[in-house]
Amino acid sequence: MKKNKHEIARIENLIKTDRLSMKDDFSELLCGDLDRVMRDYFDYKGLPIVNIDRSGDAFLVRISVSASAIHAFSSIPSQEVKY
């Protein structure tokens, strides 16, 4: 029984560690997605800077841009629903 608990704990640790080791494609995809969304709200140059740090069993995700302006909306722009 102890062997099974040890193996389960080792597998859980492996899964948690693997989640933190993201591939370059993930970072590029995330930055591209964030850039498309954030440009609707802010004027800035370059791409968003994304920092992901482990915090216990969770991740701390910080997104930064240096915006020169914030877009003013009198209402939320309507969007097409895509299926």
C-alpha atoms as a PDB file:
ATOM      1  CA  MET A   1       0.000   0.000   0.000  1.00  0.00           C
ATOM      2  CA  LYS A   2       2.833   2.432   0.819  1.00  0.00           C
ATOM      3  CA  LYS A   3       4.376   1.782  -2.567  1.00  0.00           C
ATOM      4  CA  ASN A   4       1.134   2.786  -4.305  1.00  0.00           C
ATOM      5  CA  LYS A   5       0.876   6.024  -2.294  1.00  0.00           C
ATOM      6  CA  HIS A   6       4.482   6.845  -3.125  1.00  0.00           C
ATOM      7  CA  GLU A   7       3.896   6.183  -6.829  1.00  0.00           C
ATOM      8  CA  ILE A   8       0.737   8.318  -6.863  1.00  0.00           C
ATOM      9  CA  ALA A   9       2.559  11.183  -5.132  1.00  0.00           C
ATOM     10  CA  ARG A  10       5.410  10.907  -7.636  1.00  0.00           C
ATOM     11  CA  ILE A  11       2.978  10.984 -10.578  1.00  0.00           C
ATOM     12  CA  GLU A  12       1.139  14.010  -9.148  1.00  0.00           C
ATOM     13  CA  ASN A  13       4.450  15.820  -8.724  1.00  0.00           C
ATOM     14  CA  LEU A  14       5.450  14.948 -12.284  1.00  0.00           C
ATOM     15  CA  ILE A  15       2.160  16.317 -13.641  1.00  0.00           C
ATOM     16  CA  LYS A  16       2.486  19.567 -11.661  1.00  0.00           C
ATOM     17  CA  THR A  17       6.082  20.035 -12.804  1.00  0.00           C
ATOM     18  CA  ASP A  18       5.173  19.280 -16.415  1.00  0.00           C
ATOM     19  CA  ARG A  19       2.475  21.947 -16.402  1.00  0.00           C
ATOM     20  CA  LEU A  20       5.057  24.595 -15.544  1.00  0.00           C
ATOM     21  CA  SER A  21       7.422  23.598 -18.340  1.00  0.00           C
ATOM     22  CA  MET A  22       5.581  25.250 -21.212  1.00  0.00           C
ATOM     23  CA  LYS A  23       6.747  25.057 -24.773  1.00  0.00           C
ATOM     24  CA  ASP A  24       7.723  28.170 -26.768  1.00  0.00           C
ATOM     25  CA  ASP A  25       4.619  27.684 -28.922  1.00  0.00           C
ATOM     26  CA  PHE A  26       2.429  28.174 -25.843  1.00  0.00           C
ATOM     27  CA  SER A  27       4.037  31.526 -25.016  1.00  0.00           C
ATOM     28  CA  GLU A  28       3.784  32.747 -28.603  1.00  0.00           C
ATOM     29  CA  LEU A  29       0.149  31.679 -28.880  1.00  0.00           C
ATOM     30  CA  LEU A  30      -0.762  33.271 -25.544  1.00  0.00           C
ATOM     31  CA  CYS A  31       0.966  36.577 -26.395  1.00  0.00           C
ATOM     32  CA  GLY A  32      -0.747  36.694 -29.789  1.00  0.00           C
ATOM     33  CA  ASP A  33      -4.174  36.049 -28.271  1.00  0.00           C
ATOM     34  CA  LEU A  34      -3.633  38.633 -25.529  1.00  0.00           C
ATOM     35  CA  ASP A  35      -2.390  41.167 -28.074  1.00  0.00           C
ATOM     36  CA  ARG A  36      -5.548  40.829 -30.193  1.00  0.00           C
ATOM     37  CA  VAL A  37      -7.793  41.361 -27.163  1.00  0.00           C
ATOM     38  CA  MET A  38      -5.803  44.136 -25.481  1.00  0.00           C
ATOM     39  CA  ARG A  39      -5.558  46.244 -28.662  1.00  0.00           C
ATOM     40  CA  ASP A  40      -9.336  46.676 -28.494  1.00  0.00           C
ATOM     41  CA  TYR A  41      -8.841  48.526 -25.204  1.00  0.00           C
ATOM     42  CA  PHE A  42      -5.360  50.092 -25.303  1.00  0.00           C
ATOM     43  CA  ASP A  43      -2.886  51.746 -27.667  1.00  0.00           C
ATOM     44  CA  TYR A  44       0.630  50.386 -27.168  1.00  0.00           C
ATOM     45  CA  LYS A  45       3.706  49.309 -29.094  1.00  0.00           C
ATOM     46  CA  GLY A  46       5.132  45.823 -29.155  1.00  0.00           C
ATOM     47  CA  LEU A  47       3.567  42.745 -27.588  1.00  0.00           C
ATOM     48  CA  PRO A  48       2.285  42.135 -24.071  1.00  0.00           C
ATOM     49  CA  ILE A  49       4.866  40.788 -21.641  1.00  0.00           C
ATOM     50  CA  VAL A  50       3.672  37.654 -19.880  1.00  0.00           C
ATOM     51  CA  ASN A  51       5.249  36.280 -16.697  1.00  0.00           C
ATOM     52  CA  ILE A  52       4.047  32.990 -15.258  1.00  0.00           C
ATOM     53  CA  ASP A  53       5.344  31.911 -11.848  1.00  0.00           C
ATOM     54  CA  ARG A  54       4.445  28.952  -9.710  1.00  0.00           C
ATOM     55  CA  SER A  55       2.720  29.834  -6.442  1.00  0.00           C
ATOM     56  CA  GLY A  56       2.163  26.636  -4.459  1.00  0.00           C
ATOM     57  CA  ASP A  57      -0.266  24.494  -6.434  1.00  0.00           C
ATOM     58  CA  ALA A  58      -1.330  27.428  -8.622  1.00  0.00           C
ATOM     59  CA  PHE A  59       0.265  29.812 -11.103  1.00  0.00           C
ATOM     60  CA  LEU A  60       0.648  33.575 -10.831  1.00  0.00           C
ATOM     61  CA  VAL A  61       0.080  35.086 -14.286  1.00  0.00           C
ATOM     62  CA  ARG A  62       1.106  38.703 -14.864  1.00  0.00           C
ATOM     63  CA  ILE A  63       0.453  40.543 -18.130  1.00  0.00           C
ATOM     64  CA  SER A  64       2.106  43.910 -18.808  1.00  0.00           C
ATOM     65  CA  VAL A  65       1.944  46.543 -21.525  1.00  0.00           C
ATOM     66  CA  SER A  66       3.008  50.166 -21.544  1.00  0.00           C
ATOM     67  CA  ALA A  67      -0.098  51.829 -22.955  1.00  0.00           C
ATOM     68  CA  SER A  68      -0.039  55.317 -24.448  1.00  0.00           C
ATOM     69  CA  ALA A  69      -3.849  55.562 -24.471  1.00  0.00           C
ATOM     70  CA  ILE A  70      -6.996  53.829 -23.310  1.00  0.00           C
ATOM     71  CA  HIS A  71      -9.831  53.549 -25.806  1.00  0.00           C
ATOM     72  CA  ALA A  72     -13.013  55.223 -24.650  1.00  0.00           C
ATOM     73  CA  PHE A  73     -16.224  53.313 -25.254  1.00  0.00           C
ATOM     74  CA  SER A  74     -19.692  54.732 -24.826  1.00  0.00           C
ATOM     75  CA  SER A  75     -20.904  51.144 -25.007  1.00  0.00           C
ATOM     76  CA  ILE A  76     -19.383  47.735 -25.458  1.00  0.00           C
ATOM     77  CA  PRO A  77     -18.830  47.023 -29.167  1.00  0.00           C
ATOM     78  CA  SER A  78     -21.085  44.306 -30.537  1.00  0.00           C
ATOM     79  CA  GLN A  79     -19.445  41.142 -31.767  1.00  0.00           C
ATOM     80  CA  GLU A  80     -20.559  38.475 -34.164  1.00  0.00           C
ATOM     81  CA  VAL A  81     -21.287  35.135 -32.597  1.00  0.00           C
ATOM     82  CA  LYS A  82     -19.131  32.489 -34.305  1.00  0.00           C
ATOM     83  CA  TYR A  83     -19.892  28.820 -34.055  1.00  0.00           C
END
